[in-house]
Amino acid sequence: MLGYHIDRSTLHVYLEDGEIHAVTYVGGFDGIRFTNWVHGPSLAADELMPSKRAYPQHTNHRFACVMRELGHPLPFTSFDDTNAFGAFRGERVSR
């Protein structure tokens, strides 16, 4: 899932090596600066929620369904098919 916070930071939630990762970062001309990273076999649903919007073209359908079932429906913006099926977007933290 790729989302955006009110403070203009980006939230990227992804699975890797059997863990859920939630990475928050800001980016600009100076490059990317990571501001938060939580990971583990399970995370609280509120740690996986963008405070402003989620991009449906960059969100796994099953993830969205589970979040809704947990009482945390994702605040989707409009679907933008201009970049829906291109390269995946979102930064990852390397260990």
N, C-alpha and C. Protein backbone atom coordinates (compact mmCIF):
# COMPACT_ATOMS: atom_id res chain seq x y z
N MET A 1 0.86 -1.17 0.00
CA MET A 1 0.00 0.00 0.00
C MET A 1 0.90 1.22 0.00
N LEU A 2 0.53 2.17 -0.80
CA LEU A 2 1.23 3.44 -0.83
C LEU A 2 0.23 4.50 -0.45
N GLY A 3 0.57 5.31 0.54
CA GLY A 3 -0.33 6.35 1.03
C GLY A 3 0.41 7.63 1.34
N TYR A 4 -0.35 8.60 1.79
CA TYR A 4 0.16 9.94 2.02
C TYR A 4 -0.43 10.45 3.33
N HIS A 5 0.41 11.11 4.14
CA HIS A 5 -0.04 11.68 5.41
C HIS A 5 -0.33 13.18 5.26
N ILE A 6 -1.09 13.71 6.19
CA ILE A 6 -1.41 15.14 6.19
C ILE A 6 -0.14 15.98 6.25
N ASP A 7 0.90 15.49 6.91
CA ASP A 7 2.16 16.26 7.02
C ASP A 7 3.03 16.18 5.76
N ARG A 8 2.49 15.61 4.68
CA ARG A 8 3.14 15.50 3.38
C ARG A 8 4.20 14.40 3.31
N SER A 9 4.19 13.50 4.26
CA SER A 9 5.10 12.35 4.19
C SER A 9 4.38 11.19 3.51
N THR A 10 5.16 10.26 3.01
CA THR A 10 4.63 9.09 2.31
C THR A 10 4.69 7.87 3.22
N LEU A 11 3.69 7.03 3.16
CA LEU A 11 3.65 5.77 3.91
C LEU A 11 3.65 4.62 2.91
N HIS A 12 4.57 3.71 3.06
CA HIS A 12 4.65 2.52 2.22
C HIS A 12 4.55 1.30 3.13
N VAL A 13 3.55 0.47 2.91
CA VAL A 13 3.37 -0.77 3.68
C VAL A 13 3.61 -1.92 2.72
N TYR A 14 4.49 -2.84 3.12
CA TYR A 14 4.81 -3.97 2.25
C TYR A 14 5.20 -5.18 3.08
N LEU A 15 5.17 -6.35 2.45
CA LEU A 15 5.62 -7.60 3.07
C LEU A 15 7.00 -7.94 2.55
N GLU A 16 7.87 -8.37 3.46
CA GLU A 16 9.21 -8.82 3.06
C GLU A 16 9.74 -9.76 4.13
N ASP A 17 10.26 -10.88 3.71
CA ASP A 17 10.84 -11.87 4.63
C ASP A 17 9.89 -12.26 5.75
N GLY A 18 8.61 -12.39 5.44
CA GLY A 18 7.63 -12.83 6.42
C GLY A 18 7.22 -11.77 7.43
N GLU A 19 7.61 -10.52 7.21
CA GLU A 19 7.25 -9.45 8.13
C GLU A 19 6.50 -8.34 7.37
N ILE A 20 5.66 -7.64 8.12
CA ILE A 20 5.00 -6.45 7.61
C ILE A 20 5.92 -5.27 7.90
N HIS A 21 6.12 -4.43 6.93
CA HIS A 21 6.95 -3.23 7.09
C HIS A 21 6.08 -2.01 6.81
N ALA A 22 6.17 -1.00 7.66
CA ALA A 22 5.50 0.28 7.45
C ALA A 22 6.58 1.35 7.52
N VAL A 23 6.86 1.96 6.37
CA VAL A 23 7.93 2.93 6.26
C VAL A 23 7.33 4.30 5.94
N THR A 24 7.72 5.30 6.70
CA THR A 24 7.30 6.67 6.43
C THR A 24 8.53 7.47 6.04
N TYR A 25 8.38 8.28 4.98
CA TYR A 25 9.52 9.06 4.51
C TYR A 25 9.06 10.33 3.82
N VAL A 26 9.97 11.28 3.73
CA VAL A 26 9.75 12.50 2.96
C VAL A 26 10.83 12.56 1.90
N GLY A 27 10.51 13.15 0.80
CA GLY A 27 11.47 13.24 -0.29
C GLY A 27 11.38 14.56 -1.00
N GLY A 28 12.47 14.94 -1.58
CA GLY A 28 12.52 16.19 -2.32
C GLY A 28 13.79 16.25 -3.13
N PHE A 29 14.20 17.44 -3.46
CA PHE A 29 15.42 17.62 -4.25
C PHE A 29 16.66 17.12 -3.51
N ASP A 30 16.60 17.11 -2.18
CA ASP A 30 17.73 16.67 -1.36
C ASP A 30 17.81 15.15 -1.22
N GLY A 31 16.83 14.43 -1.74
CA GLY A 31 16.78 12.98 -1.61
C GLY A 31 15.71 12.54 -0.63
N ILE A 32 15.78 11.29 -0.25
CA ILE A 32 14.79 10.66 0.64
C ILE A 32 15.31 10.69 2.07
N ARG A 33 14.41 11.03 3.00
CA ARG A 33 14.75 10.96 4.43
C ARG A 33 13.67 10.13 5.11
N PHE A 34 14.08 8.98 5.68
CA PHE A 34 13.15 8.11 6.39
C PHE A 34 12.86 8.71 7.75
N THR A 35 11.57 8.78 8.11
CA THR A 35 11.18 9.36 9.39
C THR A 35 10.64 8.33 10.38
N ASN A 36 10.21 7.17 9.87
CA ASN A 36 9.72 6.12 10.77
C ASN A 36 9.74 4.78 10.03
N TRP A 37 10.04 3.73 10.78
CA TRP A 37 10.02 2.38 10.23
C TRP A 37 9.65 1.43 11.34
N VAL A 38 8.54 0.74 11.18
CA VAL A 38 8.15 -0.32 12.11
C VAL A 38 7.99 -1.59 11.29
N HIS A 39 8.32 -2.71 11.91
CA HIS A 39 8.19 -3.98 11.21
C HIS A 39 8.04 -5.10 12.22
N GLY A 40 7.44 -6.18 11.75
CA GLY A 40 7.25 -7.35 12.59
C GLY A 40 6.26 -8.30 11.95
N PRO A 41 6.08 -9.47 12.58
CA PRO A 41 5.14 -10.44 12.03
C PRO A 41 3.70 -9.95 12.08
N SER A 42 3.41 -9.00 12.97
CA SER A 42 2.09 -8.36 13.02
C SER A 42 2.28 -6.94 13.53
N LEU A 43 1.45 -6.03 13.05
CA LEU A 43 1.49 -4.63 13.48
C LEU A 43 0.05 -4.18 13.74
N ALA A 44 -0.08 -3.17 14.58
CA ALA A 44 -1.40 -2.60 14.85
C ALA A 44 -1.94 -1.94 13.58
N ALA A 45 -3.22 -2.08 13.33
CA ALA A 45 -3.83 -1.54 12.11
C ALA A 45 -3.62 -0.04 11.98
N ASP A 46 -3.65 0.68 13.10
CA ASP A 46 -3.49 2.14 13.01
C ASP A 46 -2.09 2.55 12.55
N GLU A 47 -1.10 1.67 12.69
CA GLU A 47 0.25 1.96 12.19
C GLU A 47 0.33 1.82 10.67
N LEU A 48 -0.69 1.23 10.07
CA LEU A 48 -0.70 0.95 8.64
C LEU A 48 -1.64 1.89 7.88
N MET A 49 -2.15 2.92 8.55
CA MET A 49 -3.13 3.83 7.96
C MET A 49 -2.51 5.16 7.56
N PRO A 50 -2.69 5.57 6.32
CA PRO A 50 -2.28 6.92 5.94
C PRO A 50 -3.31 7.92 6.50
N SER A 51 -2.87 9.07 6.97
CA SER A 51 -3.80 10.02 7.56
C SER A 51 -4.54 10.86 6.52
N LYS A 52 -4.08 10.85 5.27
CA LYS A 52 -4.76 11.64 4.24
C LYS A 52 -5.38 10.78 3.14
N ARG A 53 -4.57 10.00 2.44
CA ARG A 53 -5.11 9.21 1.33
C ARG A 53 -4.24 8.00 1.04
N ALA A 54 -4.87 7.02 0.40
CA ALA A 54 -4.19 5.82 -0.10
C ALA A 54 -4.42 5.77 -1.60
N TYR A 55 -3.43 5.30 -2.31
CA TYR A 55 -3.51 5.21 -3.77
C TYR A 55 -4.00 3.81 -4.16
N PRO A 56 -5.21 3.69 -4.71
CA PRO A 56 -5.76 2.37 -5.01
C PRO A 56 -4.94 1.59 -6.03
N GLN A 57 -4.30 2.26 -6.97
CA GLN A 57 -3.51 1.57 -7.98
C GLN A 57 -2.21 1.00 -7.41
N HIS A 58 -1.88 1.37 -6.17
CA HIS A 58 -0.67 0.86 -5.52
C HIS A 58 -1.00 0.17 -4.20
N THR A 59 -2.20 -0.42 -4.13
CA THR A 59 -2.65 -1.08 -2.91
C THR A 59 -3.15 -2.48 -3.25
N ASN A 60 -2.71 -3.44 -2.49
CA ASN A 60 -3.15 -4.82 -2.64
C ASN A 60 -4.62 -4.92 -2.20
N HIS A 61 -5.45 -5.54 -3.03
CA HIS A 61 -6.88 -5.64 -2.74
C HIS A 61 -7.14 -6.37 -1.42
N ARG A 62 -6.45 -7.46 -1.19
CA ARG A 62 -6.66 -8.23 0.05
C ARG A 62 -6.29 -7.41 1.28
N PHE A 63 -5.20 -6.64 1.19
CA PHE A 63 -4.80 -5.77 2.30
C PHE A 63 -5.92 -4.77 2.60
N ALA A 64 -6.48 -4.16 1.57
CA ALA A 64 -7.56 -3.20 1.76
C ALA A 64 -8.78 -3.85 2.42
N CYS A 65 -9.10 -5.07 2.01
CA CYS A 65 -10.23 -5.79 2.61
C CYS A 65 -10.00 -6.09 4.08
N VAL A 66 -8.79 -6.54 4.42
CA VAL A 66 -8.46 -6.85 5.82
C VAL A 66 -8.53 -5.58 6.66
N MET A 67 -8.00 -4.47 6.15
CA MET A 67 -8.06 -3.21 6.91
C MET A 67 -9.51 -2.81 7.17
N ARG A 68 -10.38 -2.97 6.18
CA ARG A 68 -11.79 -2.65 6.35
C ARG A 68 -12.42 -3.55 7.40
N GLU A 69 -12.11 -4.86 7.35
CA GLU A 69 -12.64 -5.81 8.33
C GLU A 69 -12.20 -5.46 9.74
N LEU A 70 -11.02 -4.86 9.88
CA LEU A 70 -10.50 -4.45 11.19
C LEU A 70 -11.05 -3.10 11.64
N GLY A 71 -11.93 -2.51 10.83
CA GLY A 71 -12.51 -1.21 11.20
C GLY A 71 -11.67 -0.02 10.78
N HIS A 72 -10.74 -0.23 9.86
CA HIS A 72 -9.87 0.83 9.37
C HIS A 72 -9.92 0.90 7.85
N PRO A 73 -11.05 1.34 7.29
CA PRO A 73 -11.11 1.43 5.83
C PRO A 73 -10.12 2.47 5.32
N LEU A 74 -9.42 2.13 4.28
CA LEU A 74 -8.41 3.04 3.73
C LEU A 74 -9.07 4.23 3.04
N PRO A 75 -8.52 5.43 3.24
CA PRO A 75 -9.09 6.64 2.63
C PRO A 75 -8.60 6.79 1.18
N PHE A 76 -9.17 6.02 0.28
CA PHE A 76 -8.70 6.02 -1.10
C PHE A 76 -8.97 7.33 -1.82
N THR A 77 -8.02 7.74 -2.64
CA THR A 77 -8.19 8.83 -3.58
C THR A 77 -8.68 8.22 -4.89
N SER A 78 -8.84 9.03 -5.90
CA SER A 78 -9.28 8.53 -7.20
C SER A 78 -8.23 7.62 -7.83
N PHE A 79 -8.69 6.63 -8.56
CA PHE A 79 -7.79 5.72 -9.27
C PHE A 79 -7.16 6.48 -10.43
N ASP A 80 -5.84 6.38 -10.56
CA ASP A 80 -5.10 7.05 -11.63
C ASP A 80 -4.45 5.97 -12.49
N ASP A 81 -5.06 5.67 -13.63
CA ASP A 81 -4.54 4.58 -14.44
C ASP A 81 -3.33 4.96 -15.29
N THR A 82 -2.87 6.21 -15.20
CA THR A 82 -1.69 6.59 -15.98
C THR A 82 -0.42 5.92 -15.45
N ASN A 83 -0.42 5.54 -14.17
CA ASN A 83 0.75 4.84 -13.63
C ASN A 83 0.36 3.58 -12.87
N ALA A 84 -0.81 3.05 -13.18
CA ALA A 84 -1.33 1.91 -12.42
C ALA A 84 -0.55 0.62 -12.64
N PHE A 85 -0.05 0.40 -13.83
CA PHE A 85 0.55 -0.88 -14.11
C PHE A 85 2.03 -0.77 -14.47
N GLY A 86 2.64 0.36 -14.16
CA GLY A 86 4.06 0.55 -14.43
C GLY A 86 4.90 0.02 -13.29
N ALA A 87 6.06 0.57 -13.14
CA ALA A 87 6.96 0.16 -12.07
C ALA A 87 6.32 0.43 -10.71
N PHE A 88 6.57 -0.47 -9.77
CA PHE A 88 6.00 -0.29 -8.43
C PHE A 88 6.67 0.90 -7.76
N ARG A 89 5.89 1.66 -7.04
CA ARG A 89 6.41 2.84 -6.36
C ARG A 89 6.43 2.63 -4.87
N GLY A 90 7.34 3.27 -4.21
CA GLY A 90 7.45 3.19 -2.75
C GLY A 90 8.84 2.78 -2.34
N GLU A 91 9.39 3.51 -1.40
CA GLU A 91 10.73 3.22 -0.90
C GLU A 91 10.68 2.06 0.09
N ARG A 92 11.79 1.36 0.19
CA ARG A 92 11.94 0.25 1.14
C ARG A 92 13.16 0.50 2.00
N VAL A 93 13.12 -0.02 3.20
CA VAL A 93 14.27 0.07 4.10
C VAL A 93 15.05 -1.22 3.97
N SER A 94 16.34 -1.10 3.79
CA SER A 94 17.22 -2.28 3.74
C SER A 94 17.82 -2.51 5.10
N ARG A 95 17.89 -3.77 5.47
CA ARG A 95 18.49 -4.09 6.78
C ARG A 95 19.95 -4.34 6.62
